[in-house]
Amino acid sequence: MLSVESRHMLTYYSQTARLVIYAEGEMTKGKAKTAEGVLRYAKNPVVAVIDSKEAGKKVSDITWISNSQVPIVGSVRESLAYKPDALLIGVAWSGGRLPAAWRADIMEALKSGLDVINGLHDFLSDDEEIAKVAADHGRKLIDVRRPPENLPVGTGKAIDTKAMTVLTVGSDCSTGKMTVSLELDALAKARGRKSQFVATGQTGIMIHGRGIPLDRVIGDFMAGAIEELVVEAGKDNEFVFIEGQGSIVNASFSGVTLSLLHGSCPKAMILCHKPTRQEDTAGFKLWSLSKLIPLYEQLAACMRPSKVVGIALNTYGMNDKEAAKAITDAEAETGLPATDPVRFGSEKLFDAIVKYQEKIS
C-alpha cells in the first residue's frame, strides 16, 4: 500500500484502498483532526470510523462534515463488515505516543487482514510485538512520520521557483493551516489553474499521498527537505500551496515554523487564526494579528520579500453571527481580506493571492 518513491517525495499509497479510521474514544474530544482531515479531503474511500463512544451514529452527526454518511462502529470486528483494506489511526496529539490500550485493536486489525497506516511518533514497525504480528499475517505497517534518508541542507534555491508559492502560517498550532492550503489548492484547480498542495505533516501526507513529515526531520535538514518539495512542485504548476506547521511564537514548535519559512521561500503567506483561543498550546497569551504580520514578513525577508495577503479564521464553535463579527474584526485590525474558508469559501483569499501575484510579476 505504501512505498518509497524518492528521498524528496517520501511516501505514497494507493488512493483506491478502502480505509477504516481508528479514533477510539476521541472523535468528539478535539484531537481527531487526522480523522476529520482524511474524511473531508482524502481521495481514499472511508468505509467506517471506529469509536465505541459514538457507535451507531454517522460522522455528520458529530462533526462539521455535514455530507459524510460514514458510519461509526464500536470495534475493529464490526468494521470488517464494510470490507476495509487498511486501518488508519486517526488521532494526533502533542507528543504522538501510542496509547497502550490501542495495541490489542491494532493487532486484531493485522490478524484480520488489514494493513495499518500510522501517523504517530511511535513507529509500529519498530515495535517487536506488533511487527511480528504484521509479518506473521503478511500485512504492512505504514509509519507515515518516518522521514526519508539523506535529506539535504537548505540552500535557498526555492527562491528561484517560478510558481506562486503560498505558505500558511499561524497564530498558534491547530488553527487550520493544512485545511486552508487544501481549500486554496482545490479552488485554484476549480478555476482551471495548475496547482499543487505540499504536505508537511502526517495528516496532509495521508490525504495527498506524499510529502515529508517535517516534525520528524533532524533540525539541520528541515529547510532542505521543504526546499526540495517546493522546487519539485513548482516545476509544472502556477500555484504551490504549502502546508504550514506550528507558529513562530509558539515555544514548543517555532523551530519547525522557521524552517518552513526559510525552506519554502514563499512569495505570499496566509495567516491562520482561531478567534476563540486566548492562549497558545504552550500556555502563553496569543499575539495579536497586527503584531504577527510584520514578524512573519520580517523573518521571511531573510530569504526574499514576502507578504501576508489574507487572514483565514477557524470559527469552529462559533455561530454565524459570531463568525461574521470575527471576520469583520480581523479585517478592521489588519486591513486585509479575511474569511473562514470552510464555512464561507476561500474566494476572498485566493483573489488576494492572485492580485498580489500580478503586482510582483
Protein backbone atom coordinates (compact mmCIF):
# COMPACT_ATOMS: atom_id res chain seq x y z
CA MET A 1 0.00 0.00 0.00
CA LEU A 2 2.77 2.45 0.86
CA SER A 3 6.17 2.58 -0.74
CA VAL A 4 9.17 4.85 -1.04
CA GLU A 5 9.29 6.85 -4.28
CA SER A 6 12.34 9.01 -3.65
CA ARG A 7 14.02 10.97 -0.90
CA HIS A 8 12.15 14.11 -1.99
CA MET A 9 8.61 12.73 -2.25
CA LEU A 10 8.71 10.48 0.77
CA THR A 11 5.63 8.32 0.62
CA TYR A 12 2.53 7.46 -1.29
CA TYR A 13 -0.15 4.80 -1.05
CA SER A 14 -2.98 3.59 -3.20
CA GLN A 15 -5.76 6.14 -3.15
CA THR A 16 -8.29 3.47 -4.00
CA ALA A 17 -7.62 1.50 -0.80
CA ARG A 18 -10.68 1.28 1.43
CA LEU A 19 -9.98 2.73 4.86
CA VAL A 20 -11.46 2.32 8.31
CA ILE A 21 -10.39 5.14 10.62
CA TYR A 22 -9.45 4.26 14.17
CA ALA A 23 -10.33 7.03 16.67
CA GLU A 24 -11.36 5.05 19.73
CA GLY A 25 -12.96 7.37 22.29
CA GLU A 26 -11.60 10.51 20.59
CA MET A 27 -13.95 11.71 17.85
CA THR A 28 -15.53 14.46 19.93
CA LYS A 29 -12.53 15.48 22.05
CA GLY A 30 -10.86 17.82 19.58
CA LYS A 31 -7.86 15.58 18.92
CA ALA A 32 -9.20 13.61 15.95
CA LYS A 33 -8.09 16.16 13.36
CA THR A 34 -6.36 13.44 11.35
CA ALA A 35 -9.64 11.54 11.15
CA GLU A 36 -11.58 14.65 10.14
CA GLY A 37 -8.94 15.72 7.62
CA VAL A 38 -8.93 12.33 5.90
CA LEU A 39 -12.74 12.18 5.96
CA ARG A 40 -13.06 15.64 4.43
CA TYR A 41 -10.28 15.65 1.85
CA ALA A 42 -8.73 12.24 1.10
CA LYS A 43 -9.40 10.50 -2.19
CA ASN A 44 -9.46 7.14 -0.43
CA PRO A 45 -12.93 5.78 0.29
CA VAL A 46 -13.51 5.73 4.05
CA VAL A 47 -15.93 2.92 4.86
CA ALA A 48 -16.23 3.31 8.65
CA VAL A 49 -14.90 5.05 11.76
CA ILE A 50 -14.16 3.15 15.00
CA ASP A 51 -15.17 4.95 18.22
CA SER A 52 -17.17 2.90 20.69
CA LYS A 53 -18.42 6.03 22.48
CA GLU A 54 -20.15 7.25 19.31
CA ALA A 55 -21.12 3.89 17.77
CA GLY A 56 -24.40 3.85 15.88
CA LYS A 57 -24.06 7.42 14.67
CA LYS A 58 -22.79 8.82 11.39
CA VAL A 59 -19.84 11.18 11.03
CA SER A 60 -22.21 14.02 10.08
CA ASP A 61 -23.95 13.66 13.45
CA ILE A 62 -20.88 14.70 15.46
CA THR A 63 -18.71 16.83 13.11
CA TRP A 64 -18.99 19.74 10.71
CA ILE A 65 -18.60 17.32 7.81
CA SER A 66 -22.29 17.58 7.04
CA ASN A 67 -22.23 15.48 3.88
CA SER A 68 -20.46 12.49 5.44
CA GLN A 69 -22.70 9.48 5.95
CA VAL A 70 -19.76 7.29 7.02
CA PRO A 71 -20.95 5.00 9.84
CA ILE A 72 -19.31 4.93 13.26
CA VAL A 73 -18.86 1.45 14.71
CA GLY A 74 -17.76 0.17 18.08
CA SER A 75 -14.89 -2.18 17.27
CA VAL A 76 -12.42 -3.49 14.72
CA ARG A 77 -14.54 -6.61 14.39
CA GLU A 78 -17.64 -4.59 13.49
CA SER A 79 -15.71 -2.59 10.90
CA LEU A 80 -14.82 -5.73 8.94
CA ALA A 81 -18.37 -5.92 7.61
CA TYR A 82 -17.53 -2.86 5.47
CA LYS A 83 -14.60 -4.67 3.81
CA PRO A 84 -11.74 -2.24 4.55
CA ASP A 85 -8.22 -2.74 3.21
CA ALA A 86 -6.43 -0.80 5.94
CA LEU A 87 -6.86 0.67 9.39
CA LEU A 88 -5.79 4.32 9.59
CA ILE A 89 -5.02 5.75 13.03
CA GLY A 90 -7.00 8.98 13.04
CA VAL A 91 -5.85 10.77 16.18
CA ALA A 92 -2.91 13.14 16.59
CA TRP A 93 -2.00 14.87 19.82
CA SER A 94 1.12 16.60 21.13
CA GLY A 95 3.86 14.03 21.55
CA GLY A 96 2.11 11.49 19.32
CA ARG A 97 2.52 8.44 21.58
CA LEU A 98 0.65 5.17 21.11
CA PRO A 99 -1.81 4.50 23.96
CA ALA A 100 -1.27 1.08 25.47
CA ALA A 101 -5.00 0.38 25.26
CA TRP A 102 -4.87 0.58 21.47
CA ARG A 103 -2.31 -2.18 20.99
CA ALA A 104 -4.83 -5.03 21.09
CA ASP A 105 -7.04 -3.38 18.45
CA ILE A 106 -4.09 -2.74 16.14
CA MET A 107 -3.02 -6.38 16.40
CA GLU A 108 -6.59 -7.53 15.83
CA ALA A 109 -6.71 -5.44 12.65
CA LEU A 110 -3.49 -7.03 11.41
CA LYS A 111 -4.75 -10.52 12.21
CA SER A 112 -7.96 -9.68 10.33
CA GLY A 113 -6.03 -8.93 7.15
CA LEU A 114 -5.73 -5.14 7.36
CA ASP A 115 -2.63 -3.04 6.80
CA VAL A 116 -2.17 -0.26 9.39
CA ILE A 117 -1.43 3.37 8.48
CA ASN A 118 0.10 5.15 11.45
CA GLY A 119 0.79 8.87 11.86
CA LEU A 120 2.00 8.77 15.47
CA HIS A 121 5.58 9.45 16.57
CA ASP A 122 5.74 5.87 17.90
CA PHE A 123 6.63 3.76 14.87
CA LEU A 124 4.72 0.49 14.76
CA SER A 125 7.36 -1.16 12.60
CA ASP A 126 9.85 -0.66 15.46
CA ASP A 127 7.55 -2.38 17.97
CA GLU A 128 8.71 -6.00 18.11
CA GLU A 129 5.37 -7.48 19.15
CA ILE A 130 3.27 -5.57 16.61
CA ALA A 131 5.84 -6.03 13.85
CA LYS A 132 5.83 -9.80 14.43
CA VAL A 133 2.05 -9.98 14.15
CA ALA A 134 2.21 -7.99 10.90
CA ALA A 135 4.89 -10.27 9.49
CA ASP A 136 3.06 -13.43 10.55
CA HIS A 137 -0.07 -12.29 8.72
CA GLY A 138 1.62 -10.72 5.69
CA ARG A 139 0.40 -7.21 6.47
CA LYS A 140 2.11 -3.82 6.11
CA LEU A 141 2.86 -1.31 8.86
CA ILE A 142 2.95 2.14 7.30
CA ASP A 143 4.65 4.69 9.56
CA VAL A 144 3.84 7.93 7.79
CA ARG A 145 6.03 10.02 10.10
CA ARG A 146 9.22 8.13 9.30
CA PRO A 147 11.37 10.62 7.34
CA PRO A 148 13.46 9.74 4.29
CA GLU A 149 17.21 9.28 4.45
CA ASN A 150 19.90 11.56 3.03
CA LEU A 151 17.96 14.83 3.08
CA PRO A 152 19.95 17.93 2.07
CA VAL A 153 20.77 21.09 3.99
CA GLY A 154 18.79 24.08 2.72
CA THR A 155 20.50 26.34 0.17
CA GLY A 156 17.76 28.85 -0.60
CA LYS A 157 17.14 27.54 -4.11
CA ALA A 158 13.34 27.76 -3.67
CA ILE A 159 13.81 31.49 -4.26
CA ASP A 160 14.08 30.72 -7.97
CA THR A 161 10.75 28.88 -8.14
CA LYS A 162 8.61 30.49 -10.83
CA ALA A 163 5.30 29.29 -9.33
CA MET A 164 3.35 31.49 -6.93
CA THR A 165 4.37 29.88 -3.65
CA VAL A 166 1.97 30.43 -0.74
CA LEU A 167 2.68 29.29 2.82
CA THR A 168 0.04 29.13 5.53
CA VAL A 169 1.34 30.47 8.84
CA GLY A 170 -0.41 30.60 12.21
CA SER A 171 -1.03 32.46 15.43
CA ASP A 172 -0.79 29.02 17.07
CA CYS A 173 -0.82 25.28 16.39
CA SER A 174 -4.04 23.65 15.11
CA THR A 175 -5.52 26.79 13.59
CA GLY A 176 -6.35 25.21 10.21
CA LYS A 177 -3.18 25.70 8.16
CA MET A 178 -3.49 22.37 6.34
CA THR A 179 -7.20 22.90 5.71
CA VAL A 180 -6.65 26.38 4.28
CA SER A 181 -3.90 25.15 1.95
CA LEU A 182 -6.12 22.32 0.71
CA GLU A 183 -9.10 24.64 0.19
CA LEU A 184 -6.99 27.11 -1.81
CA ASP A 185 -5.48 24.32 -3.89
CA ALA A 186 -8.96 22.97 -4.66
CA LEU A 187 -10.24 26.42 -5.65
CA ALA A 188 -7.25 27.06 -7.90
CA LYS A 189 -7.89 23.77 -9.69
CA ALA A 190 -11.62 24.58 -9.95
CA ARG A 191 -10.68 27.81 -11.71
CA GLY A 192 -8.56 25.92 -14.20
CA ARG A 193 -5.18 26.89 -12.74
CA LYS A 194 -2.38 24.36 -12.35
CA SER A 195 -1.80 23.95 -8.63
CA GLN A 196 -0.26 21.58 -6.10
CA PHE A 197 -0.58 21.10 -2.37
CA VAL A 198 2.66 20.35 -0.48
CA ALA A 199 2.15 18.16 2.60
CA THR A 200 4.44 18.70 5.58
CA GLY A 201 2.60 16.74 8.30
CA GLN A 202 1.21 13.25 8.77
CA THR A 203 -2.42 14.15 8.02
CA GLY A 204 -1.52 16.06 4.88
CA ILE A 205 0.56 13.11 3.68
CA MET A 206 -2.34 10.72 4.32
CA ILE A 207 -4.62 12.99 2.28
CA HIS A 208 -2.27 13.90 -0.55
CA GLY A 209 -0.45 10.58 -0.67
CA ARG A 210 3.04 12.07 -0.48
CA GLY A 211 5.10 14.64 1.38
CA ILE A 212 7.62 14.90 4.22
CA PRO A 213 6.73 14.81 7.95
CA LEU A 214 8.76 17.86 8.93
CA ASP A 215 8.44 17.40 12.68
CA ARG A 216 10.47 14.16 12.44
CA VAL A 217 13.28 15.55 10.30
CA ILE A 218 16.61 16.33 12.00
CA GLY A 219 16.86 20.10 12.51
CA ASP A 220 19.79 20.64 10.12
CA PHE A 221 17.77 19.21 7.23
CA MET A 222 14.29 20.69 7.82
CA ALA A 223 14.70 23.65 5.47
CA GLY A 224 16.37 21.47 2.85
CA ALA A 225 13.56 18.92 2.96
CA ILE A 226 10.90 21.57 2.32
CA GLU A 227 13.04 23.26 -0.31
CA GLU A 228 13.18 20.02 -2.28
CA LEU A 229 9.40 19.59 -2.18
CA VAL A 230 8.69 23.19 -3.21
CA VAL A 231 11.17 23.19 -6.07
CA GLU A 232 9.71 19.92 -7.37
CA ALA A 233 6.11 21.15 -7.07
CA GLY A 234 6.95 24.45 -8.74
CA LYS A 235 8.25 22.92 -11.96
CA ASP A 236 4.87 22.31 -13.60
CA ASN A 237 2.43 24.39 -11.55
CA GLU A 238 1.38 28.02 -11.41
CA PHE A 239 0.47 27.83 -7.71
CA VAL A 240 2.06 25.88 -4.88
CA PHE A 241 0.23 25.84 -1.54
CA ILE A 242 2.50 24.76 1.30
CA GLU A 243 1.01 23.31 4.48
CA GLY A 244 2.25 25.31 7.47
CA GLN A 245 3.17 23.92 10.88
CA GLY A 246 3.10 25.40 14.38
CA SER A 247 3.61 29.12 14.97
CA ILE A 248 6.67 31.32 15.06
CA VAL A 249 5.69 32.45 18.57
CA ASN A 250 4.81 29.03 19.97
CA ALA A 251 7.52 27.99 22.44
CA SER A 252 7.09 24.31 21.56
CA PHE A 253 7.13 24.33 17.77
CA SER A 254 8.61 27.60 16.48
CA GLY A 255 11.66 25.81 15.07
CA VAL A 256 9.53 23.88 12.59
CA THR A 257 7.76 27.08 11.55
CA LEU A 258 11.00 28.96 10.88
CA SER A 259 12.39 26.06 8.84
CA LEU A 260 9.27 26.16 6.70
CA LEU A 261 9.60 29.91 6.17
CA HIS A 262 13.22 29.70 5.06
CA GLY A 263 12.95 26.42 3.19
CA SER A 264 9.88 27.30 1.13
CA CYS A 265 10.82 30.98 0.47
CA PRO A 266 7.12 31.84 0.00
CA LYS A 267 6.09 34.74 -2.19
CA ALA A 268 2.94 35.19 -0.11
CA MET A 269 1.50 33.98 3.19
CA ILE A 270 -1.98 33.42 4.63
CA LEU A 271 -2.18 33.94 8.40
CA CYS A 272 -4.43 31.38 10.13
CA HIS A 273 -6.07 32.16 13.46
CA LYS A 274 -8.70 30.74 15.80
CA PRO A 275 -10.52 33.72 17.36
CA THR A 276 -11.93 31.77 20.31
CA ARG A 277 -8.44 30.97 21.59
CA GLN A 278 -6.78 33.27 24.13
CA GLU A 279 -3.64 31.24 24.93
CA ASP A 280 -1.45 29.13 22.71
CA THR A 281 -0.80 25.43 23.24
CA ALA A 282 2.29 26.24 25.31
CA GLY A 283 0.22 28.37 27.70
CA PHE A 284 1.31 31.83 26.57
CA LYS A 285 -1.01 34.68 25.61
CA LEU A 286 -1.62 34.81 21.87
CA TRP A 287 -0.05 37.62 19.89
CA SER A 288 -2.41 39.95 18.03
CA LEU A 289 -2.72 39.60 14.27
CA SER A 290 -1.34 43.11 13.79
CA LYS A 291 1.87 42.11 15.65
CA LEU A 292 2.23 38.74 13.96
CA ILE A 293 2.02 40.02 10.38
CA PRO A 294 5.20 42.17 10.45
CA LEU A 295 7.02 39.45 12.40
CA TYR A 296 6.31 36.80 9.76
CA GLU A 297 7.16 39.21 6.96
CA GLN A 298 10.47 40.24 8.56
CA LEU A 299 11.53 36.64 9.13
CA ALA A 300 10.56 35.62 5.59
CA ALA A 301 12.51 38.60 4.24
CA CYS A 302 15.74 36.92 5.35
CA MET A 303 15.31 34.92 2.14
CA ARG A 304 13.04 37.02 -0.06
CA PRO A 305 10.33 39.71 0.27
CA SER A 306 7.02 38.08 1.24
CA LYS A 307 3.66 39.48 2.32
CA VAL A 308 0.77 38.22 4.38
CA VAL A 309 -2.07 38.85 1.94
CA GLY A 310 -5.07 37.45 3.83
CA ILE A 311 -6.41 36.13 7.12
CA ALA A 312 -8.01 32.67 7.42
CA LEU A 313 -10.13 32.23 10.53
CA ASN A 314 -11.12 28.94 12.10
CA THR A 315 -14.55 29.77 13.52
CA TYR A 316 -15.40 26.27 14.70
CA GLY A 317 -17.66 26.50 17.76
CA MET A 318 -18.97 29.97 16.86
CA ASN A 319 -22.43 30.70 15.50
CA ASP A 320 -22.85 32.54 12.19
CA LYS A 321 -23.23 35.95 13.83
CA GLU A 322 -20.13 35.46 15.96
CA ALA A 323 -18.15 34.19 12.97
CA ALA A 324 -19.17 37.16 10.83
CA LYS A 325 -18.11 39.58 13.57
CA ALA A 326 -14.75 37.82 13.98
CA ILE A 327 -14.14 38.22 10.25
CA THR A 328 -15.10 41.91 10.31
CA ASP A 329 -12.86 42.48 13.33
CA ALA A 330 -9.89 40.77 11.66
CA GLU A 331 -10.29 42.84 8.53
CA ALA A 332 -10.53 46.05 10.57
CA GLU A 333 -7.42 45.18 12.58
CA THR A 334 -5.23 44.14 9.64
CA GLY A 335 -6.63 45.88 6.58
CA LEU A 336 -6.55 42.50 4.82
CA PRO A 337 -9.34 40.29 3.45
CA ALA A 338 -10.46 37.67 5.97
CA THR A 339 -12.79 34.68 5.90
CA ASP A 340 -13.34 31.16 7.19
CA PRO A 341 -12.58 29.08 4.06
CA VAL A 342 -14.54 26.05 5.25
CA ARG A 343 -17.60 27.98 6.35
CA PHE A 344 -17.74 30.75 3.75
CA GLY A 345 -15.39 29.67 0.95
CA SER A 346 -11.84 30.71 0.11
CA GLU A 347 -12.55 33.06 -2.81
CA LYS A 348 -11.51 36.21 -0.95
CA LEU A 349 -8.16 34.71 -0.05
CA PHE A 350 -7.45 33.30 -3.50
CA ASP A 351 -8.37 36.59 -5.14
CA ALA A 352 -5.94 38.38 -2.81
CA ILE A 353 -3.20 35.93 -3.77
CA VAL A 354 -3.83 36.47 -7.49
CA LYS A 355 -3.86 40.25 -7.02
CA TYR A 356 -0.51 40.11 -5.23
CA GLN A 357 0.85 37.72 -7.85
CA GLU A 358 0.02 40.27 -10.55
CA LYS A 359 1.66 43.03 -8.52
CA ILE A 360 5.00 41.26 -8.15
CA SER A 361 5.14 39.73 -11.65
